[in-house]
Amino acid sequence: MIGRAALAACSFVAGEDWHVAVAVTASLALTALAAATGLPAWALPPVLVLAILYRSVRAGNRPAFSRAPLDDAPPHAGGS
């Protein structure tokens, strides 16, 4: 029972992209570390969120399958 609850909680937190969950956790830790050392941490979250969003969108735009390189493509049936 506890295992199922832990799995459900992990699935809820991580969602479909665990990379984003890890990046958000790391950015929160980095911001807390910067604030604890006395550095101005207010600028970190917006920059880190933009970086995470950029990476997520780039990863989402990749094709689901890899295409064959042009050198390995079959010859064109149209001639020339």
C-alpha atoms as a PDB file:
ATOM      1  CA  MET A   1       0.000   0.000   0.000  1.00  0.00           C
ATOM      2  CA  ILE A   2       2.769   2.445   0.899  1.00  0.00           C
ATOM      3  CA  GLY A   3       4.611   1.531  -2.290  1.00  0.00           C
ATOM      4  CA  ARG A   4       1.585   2.335  -4.404  1.00  0.00           C
ATOM      5  CA  ALA A   5       1.152   5.684  -2.633  1.00  0.00           C
ATOM      6  CA  ALA A   6       4.828   6.512  -3.161  1.00  0.00           C
ATOM      7  CA  LEU A   7       4.552   5.593  -6.848  1.00  0.00           C
ATOM      8  CA  ALA A   8       1.432   7.739  -7.233  1.00  0.00           C
ATOM      9  CA  ALA A   9       3.131  10.689  -5.511  1.00  0.00           C
ATOM     10  CA  CYS A  10       6.221  10.308  -7.696  1.00  0.00           C
ATOM     11  CA  SER A  11       4.055  10.122 -10.823  1.00  0.00           C
ATOM     12  CA  PHE A  12       2.129  13.225  -9.732  1.00  0.00           C
ATOM     13  CA  VAL A  13       5.286  15.247  -9.042  1.00  0.00           C
ATOM     14  CA  ALA A  14       7.315  14.135 -12.053  1.00  0.00           C
ATOM     15  CA  GLY A  15       4.446  14.000 -14.527  1.00  0.00           C
ATOM     16  CA  GLU A  16       5.337  12.982 -18.056  1.00  0.00           C
ATOM     17  CA  ASP A  17       8.789  14.537 -18.171  1.00  0.00           C
ATOM     18  CA  TRP A  18      10.972  13.624 -15.219  1.00  0.00           C
ATOM     19  CA  HIS A  19      13.764  15.808 -16.603  1.00  0.00           C
ATOM     20  CA  VAL A  20      11.685  18.908 -15.896  1.00  0.00           C
ATOM     21  CA  ALA A  21      10.950  17.730 -12.349  1.00  0.00           C
ATOM     22  CA  VAL A  22      14.664  17.189 -11.688  1.00  0.00           C
ATOM     23  CA  ALA A  23      15.548  20.566 -13.223  1.00  0.00           C
ATOM     24  CA  VAL A  24      12.924  22.386 -11.141  1.00  0.00           C
ATOM     25  CA  THR A  25      14.159  20.670  -7.968  1.00  0.00           C
ATOM     26  CA  ALA A  26      17.762  21.564  -8.805  1.00  0.00           C
ATOM     27  CA  SER A  27      16.827  25.181  -9.569  1.00  0.00           C
ATOM     28  CA  LEU A  28      14.971  25.483  -6.247  1.00  0.00           C
ATOM     29  CA  ALA A  29      17.998  24.066  -4.425  1.00  0.00           C
ATOM     30  CA  LEU A  30      20.339  26.420  -6.286  1.00  0.00           C
ATOM     31  CA  THR A  31      18.140  29.409  -5.449  1.00  0.00           C
ATOM     32  CA  ALA A  32      17.991  28.393  -1.771  1.00  0.00           C
ATOM     33  CA  LEU A  33      21.761  27.957  -1.707  1.00  0.00           C
ATOM     34  CA  ALA A  34      22.311  31.373  -3.264  1.00  0.00           C
ATOM     35  CA  ALA A  35      19.920  32.981  -0.769  1.00  0.00           C
ATOM     36  CA  ALA A  36      21.586  31.223   2.167  1.00  0.00           C
ATOM     37  CA  THR A  37      25.019  32.504   1.146  1.00  0.00           C
ATOM     38  CA  GLY A  38      23.781  36.074   0.954  1.00  0.00           C
ATOM     39  CA  LEU A  39      23.857  36.395  -2.832  1.00  0.00           C
ATOM     40  CA  PRO A  40      20.943  38.163  -4.518  1.00  0.00           C
ATOM     41  CA  ALA A  41      18.886  35.121  -5.510  1.00  0.00           C
ATOM     42  CA  TRP A  42      15.883  36.958  -6.939  1.00  0.00           C
ATOM     43  CA  ALA A  43      17.238  36.831 -10.506  1.00  0.00           C
ATOM     44  CA  LEU A  44      17.906  33.084 -10.579  1.00  0.00           C
ATOM     45  CA  PRO A  45      14.361  31.657 -10.798  1.00  0.00           C
ATOM     46  CA  PRO A  46      13.277  33.538 -13.969  1.00  0.00           C
ATOM     47  CA  VAL A  47      16.506  32.634 -15.768  1.00  0.00           C
ATOM     48  CA  LEU A  48      16.317  29.004 -14.683  1.00  0.00           C
ATOM     49  CA  VAL A  49      12.631  28.721 -15.618  1.00  0.00           C
ATOM     50  CA  LEU A  50      13.374  30.060 -19.101  1.00  0.00           C
ATOM     51  CA  ALA A  51      16.232  27.565 -19.488  1.00  0.00           C
ATOM     52  CA  ILE A  52      14.015  24.677 -18.351  1.00  0.00           C
ATOM     53  CA  LEU A  53      11.210  25.772 -20.669  1.00  0.00           C
ATOM     54  CA  TYR A  54      13.597  26.099 -23.621  1.00  0.00           C
ATOM     55  CA  ARG A  55      14.993  22.609 -23.017  1.00  0.00           C
ATOM     56  CA  SER A  56      11.528  21.115 -22.625  1.00  0.00           C
ATOM     57  CA  VAL A  57      10.210  22.678 -25.825  1.00  0.00           C
ATOM     58  CA  ARG A  58      13.313  21.623 -27.758  1.00  0.00           C
ATOM     59  CA  ALA A  59      12.925  18.057 -26.482  1.00  0.00           C
ATOM     60  CA  GLY A  60       9.233  18.048 -27.414  1.00  0.00           C
ATOM     61  CA  ASN A  61       9.935  19.115 -30.980  1.00  0.00           C
ATOM     62  CA  ARG A  62      12.194  16.152 -31.733  1.00  0.00           C
ATOM     63  CA  PRO A  63      10.693  13.553 -34.032  1.00  0.00           C
ATOM     64  CA  ALA A  64       9.561  10.323 -32.382  1.00  0.00           C
ATOM     65  CA  PHE A  65      11.792   8.337 -34.712  1.00  0.00           C
ATOM     66  CA  SER A  66      15.194   9.067 -36.157  1.00  0.00           C
ATOM     67  CA  ARG A  67      15.379   9.559 -39.873  1.00  0.00           C
ATOM     68  CA  ALA A  68      18.015   7.924 -42.015  1.00  0.00           C
ATOM     69  CA  PRO A  69      20.906  10.194 -43.004  1.00  0.00           C
ATOM     70  CA  LEU A  70      20.865  11.487 -46.564  1.00  0.00           C
ATOM     71  CA  ASP A  71      23.828   9.267 -47.518  1.00  0.00           C
ATOM     72  CA  ASP A  72      21.852   6.125 -46.632  1.00  0.00           C
ATOM     73  CA  ALA A  73      18.640   7.202 -48.336  1.00  0.00           C
ATOM     74  CA  PRO A  74      17.418   5.054 -51.216  1.00  0.00           C
ATOM     75  CA  PRO A  75      18.001   6.417 -54.718  1.00  0.00           C
ATOM     76  CA  HIS A  76      15.381   8.829 -56.007  1.00  0.00           C
ATOM     77  CA  ALA A  77      12.940   7.161 -58.437  1.00  0.00           C
ATOM     78  CA  GLY A  78      12.567  10.319 -60.528  1.00  0.00           C
ATOM     79  CA  GLY A  79      15.954  10.022 -62.255  1.00  0.00           C
ATOM     80  CA  SER A  80      18.950  12.402 -62.533  1.00  0.00           C
END
